[in-house]
Amino acid sequence: MDILEFENQIYDSGYKNIAYIDEVGRGCLLGDVVACAIILPRDLRIQGVKDSKKLSEKKREYLFDIIENEATGIGIGRVDAQTIDRINIKESTRLAMKLAVKNIVNRDGNKIIADYLLIDAENIDLDIPQKSFIKGDDRCHGIACASIIAKVYRDRMCLEWDKMFPGYNIGKNKGYGTKEHRESILELGVTPIHRMTFLKNIIGK
């Protein structure tokens, strides 16, 4: 079934607040995994929206402002490196998504309760009807919107981490395991925001 057709069936069944959910930062060597849950007006389609990984940084920033303005509600969930090391990245991703759903608010800061969840390739431990879609950020406008919000939000966090921990070029590599980042770890050591369970092949511990 086409995702749009599926969405319309959900709306026609009486659900009003469909939350679209995606995450970013799952494969990074440092920093939080970040999820976004977003509720959009029915039939809203923002031109240019697609999976955040397929957009330039400039286009993501441009679309971020439009999505933020058009959204009924947005929630962000974050899980830090220490928690990722403790419970693993898959469970941390699910936790970030769960927190994002619980944190949905409108522009005035008022809480909005989602009554259905459409998720990119995950399941969330919440007593809310939900459907997972493989490559949802490619196939579903709402999940793509969530991916853009999550990506821009986390990229802005990376700029702050770059100031706190200079020398790793986090503002550019976003915490991913680039050659420069791996070499910086060997030269400078690890920071409090590095995921130690991700560094075994680099530092040999």
Protein backbone atom coordinates (compact mmCIF):
# COMPACT_ATOMS: atom_id res chain seq x y z
CA MET A 1 0.00 0.00 0.00
CA ASP A 2 1.12 3.54 -0.76
CA ILE A 3 2.08 5.44 2.43
CA LEU A 4 -0.14 8.40 1.54
CA GLU A 5 -3.08 6.05 1.10
CA PHE A 6 -2.24 4.49 4.47
CA GLU A 7 -2.11 7.93 6.13
CA ASN A 8 -5.51 8.83 4.71
CA GLN A 9 -6.95 5.61 6.08
CA ILE A 10 -5.61 6.51 9.53
CA TYR A 11 -7.17 9.98 9.37
CA ASP A 12 -10.44 8.56 8.06
CA SER A 13 -10.48 6.12 10.99
CA GLY A 14 -10.73 9.10 13.34
CA TYR A 15 -7.10 9.70 14.34
CA LYS A 16 -6.18 13.40 14.40
CA ASN A 17 -2.58 13.71 15.63
CA ILE A 18 -0.31 11.48 13.57
CA ALA A 19 3.29 11.86 14.75
CA TYR A 20 6.02 11.19 12.20
CA ILE A 21 9.30 10.08 13.78
CA ASP A 22 12.93 9.79 12.68
CA GLU A 23 16.36 9.91 14.28
CA VAL A 24 19.87 11.08 13.45
CA GLY A 25 23.31 10.29 14.84
CA ARG A 26 22.96 6.54 15.22
CA GLY A 27 26.34 5.85 13.58
CA CYS A 28 28.37 8.66 15.16
CA LEU A 29 31.39 8.11 17.38
CA LEU A 30 30.36 10.85 19.78
CA GLY A 31 27.42 12.82 21.06
CA ASP A 32 23.73 12.23 21.51
CA VAL A 33 21.43 10.29 19.25
CA VAL A 34 18.58 12.71 18.48
CA ALA A 35 15.01 11.96 17.43
CA CYS A 36 12.22 14.20 16.24
CA ALA A 37 8.49 13.52 16.45
CA ILE A 38 6.42 15.94 14.39
CA ILE A 39 2.69 16.42 13.89
CA LEU A 40 1.68 18.18 10.66
CA PRO A 41 -1.62 19.45 9.28
CA ARG A 42 -3.36 16.88 7.11
CA ASP A 43 -2.47 17.14 3.41
CA LEU A 44 0.43 19.54 4.05
CA ARG A 45 3.16 19.06 1.45
CA ILE A 46 6.25 21.28 1.61
CA GLN A 47 8.10 21.55 -1.68
CA GLY A 48 11.65 20.21 -1.60
CA VAL A 49 11.25 18.01 1.45
CA LYS A 50 13.00 14.64 1.25
CA ASP A 51 15.32 12.50 3.35
CA SER A 52 17.67 14.92 5.13
CA LYS A 53 20.72 12.91 4.00
CA LYS A 54 19.89 13.83 0.39
CA LEU A 55 19.77 17.58 1.02
CA SER A 56 22.55 20.15 1.28
CA GLU A 57 23.14 21.82 4.63
CA LYS A 58 21.83 25.10 3.22
CA LYS A 59 18.62 23.46 1.95
CA ARG A 60 18.06 21.68 5.27
CA GLU A 61 18.37 24.95 7.16
CA TYR A 62 15.93 26.61 4.74
CA LEU A 63 13.39 23.80 5.08
CA PHE A 64 13.85 23.60 8.86
CA ASP A 65 12.36 27.08 9.29
CA ILE A 66 9.41 26.32 7.00
CA ILE A 67 8.66 22.98 8.67
CA GLU A 68 8.93 24.49 12.14
CA ASN A 69 6.49 27.24 11.15
CA GLU A 70 3.97 24.88 9.52
CA ALA A 71 4.03 22.07 12.09
CA THR A 72 1.19 21.54 14.52
CA GLY A 73 3.68 20.29 17.08
CA ILE A 74 7.31 19.17 17.40
CA GLY A 75 9.09 17.06 20.00
CA ILE A 76 12.82 16.37 20.37
CA GLY A 77 14.32 13.40 22.20
CA ARG A 78 18.01 13.11 23.08
CA VAL A 79 20.02 10.24 24.54
CA ASP A 80 23.63 10.91 25.52
CA ALA A 81 26.81 8.93 24.93
CA GLN A 82 26.95 7.46 28.44
CA THR A 83 23.46 6.03 28.06
CA ILE A 84 24.30 4.72 24.59
CA ASP A 85 27.30 2.90 26.06
CA ARG A 86 25.15 1.48 28.84
CA ILE A 87 22.06 0.26 26.95
CA ASN A 88 23.38 0.09 23.31
CA ILE A 89 22.57 2.26 20.30
CA LYS A 90 19.41 0.44 19.19
CA GLU A 91 17.72 0.81 22.58
CA SER A 92 19.00 4.39 22.81
CA THR A 93 17.45 5.20 19.44
CA ARG A 94 14.11 3.80 20.59
CA LEU A 95 14.39 5.76 23.84
CA ALA A 96 15.14 9.00 21.96
CA MET A 97 12.06 8.40 19.78
CA LYS A 98 9.92 7.70 22.84
CA LEU A 99 11.12 10.91 24.51
CA ALA A 100 10.45 12.87 21.30
CA VAL A 101 6.83 11.69 21.26
CA LYS A 102 6.39 12.61 24.92
CA ASN A 103 7.94 16.06 24.32
CA ILE A 104 5.65 17.19 21.47
CA VAL A 105 4.48 20.76 22.00
CA ASN A 106 2.92 23.43 19.79
CA ARG A 107 4.39 26.87 19.12
CA ASP A 108 2.96 28.16 22.41
CA GLY A 109 4.64 25.37 24.35
CA ASN A 110 1.42 23.48 25.02
CA LYS A 111 1.69 19.69 25.07
CA ILE A 112 0.11 17.73 22.23
CA ILE A 113 -0.71 14.04 22.59
CA ALA A 114 -0.05 11.92 19.51
CA ASP A 115 -2.69 9.29 18.79
CA TYR A 116 -0.86 7.42 15.99
CA LEU A 117 2.85 7.00 15.19
CA LEU A 118 4.50 6.55 11.79
CA ILE A 119 8.14 5.65 12.35
CA ASP A 120 11.25 5.21 10.23
CA ALA A 121 12.24 1.55 10.62
CA GLU A 122 11.68 1.23 14.39
CA ASN A 123 9.12 0.35 17.03
CA ILE A 124 8.58 2.42 20.14
CA ASP A 125 7.62 1.21 23.61
CA LEU A 126 4.48 3.32 23.89
CA ASP A 127 0.85 2.30 24.15
CA ILE A 128 -0.01 4.20 20.98
CA PRO A 129 -0.98 2.59 17.64
CA GLN A 130 2.04 2.69 15.34
CA LYS A 131 3.43 1.58 12.01
CA SER A 132 7.06 1.24 11.00
CA PHE A 133 8.24 1.85 7.44
CA ILE A 134 11.59 0.76 6.03
CA LYS A 135 13.21 3.78 4.35
CA GLY A 136 10.37 5.87 5.73
CA ASP A 137 12.41 9.06 5.37
CA ASP A 138 12.52 8.35 1.62
CA ARG A 139 8.90 7.31 1.20
CA CYS A 140 6.92 9.51 3.61
CA HIS A 141 6.75 13.31 3.59
CA GLY A 142 6.11 13.55 7.34
CA ILE A 143 9.00 11.26 8.29
CA ALA A 144 11.26 13.24 5.92
CA CYS A 145 10.20 16.42 7.76
CA ALA A 146 11.13 14.76 11.07
CA SER A 147 14.51 13.74 9.63
CA ILE A 148 15.25 17.35 8.61
CA ILE A 149 14.32 18.76 12.03
CA ALA A 150 16.39 16.10 13.84
CA LYS A 151 19.39 16.59 11.55
CA VAL A 152 19.50 20.39 11.81
CA TYR A 153 18.93 20.23 15.58
CA ARG A 154 21.82 17.80 16.06
CA ASP A 155 24.11 19.67 13.64
CA ARG A 156 23.61 22.78 15.78
CA MET A 157 24.55 20.73 18.84
CA CYS A 158 27.72 19.68 17.01
CA LEU A 159 28.71 23.33 16.62
CA GLU A 160 28.43 23.74 20.39
CA TRP A 161 30.43 20.57 21.03
CA ASP A 162 33.07 21.88 18.63
CA LYS A 163 33.56 24.90 20.90
CA MET A 164 33.72 22.72 24.00
CA PHE A 165 36.14 20.18 22.52
CA PRO A 166 38.34 21.89 19.90
CA GLY A 167 40.66 19.83 17.74
CA TYR A 168 38.19 17.16 16.63
CA ASN A 169 36.43 19.33 14.01
CA ILE A 170 33.03 18.17 15.26
CA GLY A 171 31.33 21.08 13.52
CA LYS A 172 32.37 19.58 10.21
CA ASN A 173 32.38 15.80 10.75
CA LYS A 174 29.30 15.87 13.04
CA GLY A 175 30.89 13.16 15.16
CA TYR A 176 31.07 10.55 12.40
CA GLY A 177 34.15 8.37 12.05
CA THR A 178 36.02 10.30 9.38
CA LYS A 179 39.76 9.75 8.95
CA GLU A 180 40.42 13.15 10.52
CA HIS A 181 38.21 12.37 13.51
CA ARG A 182 39.81 8.97 14.12
CA GLU A 183 43.28 10.50 13.92
CA SER A 184 42.22 13.25 16.36
CA ILE A 185 41.10 10.62 18.87
CA LEU A 186 44.50 8.92 18.69
CA GLU A 187 46.30 12.24 19.05
CA LEU A 188 44.13 14.02 21.63
CA GLY A 189 42.37 11.16 23.39
CA VAL A 190 38.67 10.78 24.01
CA THR A 191 36.21 13.37 25.32
CA PRO A 192 33.35 12.90 27.80
CA ILE A 193 30.93 12.83 24.86
CA HIS A 194 32.64 10.03 22.93
CA ARG A 195 30.83 6.69 22.78
CA MET A 196 33.41 4.32 24.23
CA THR A 197 31.65 1.23 22.85
CA PHE A 198 32.11 2.68 19.35
CA LEU A 199 35.87 3.23 19.73
CA LYS A 200 37.16 -0.30 20.34
CA ASN A 201 38.66 -0.62 16.87
CA ILE A 202 40.34 2.78 17.21
CA ILE A 203 41.78 2.84 20.71
CA GLY A 204 41.91 -0.92 21.23
CA LYS A 205 39.94 -1.02 24.48
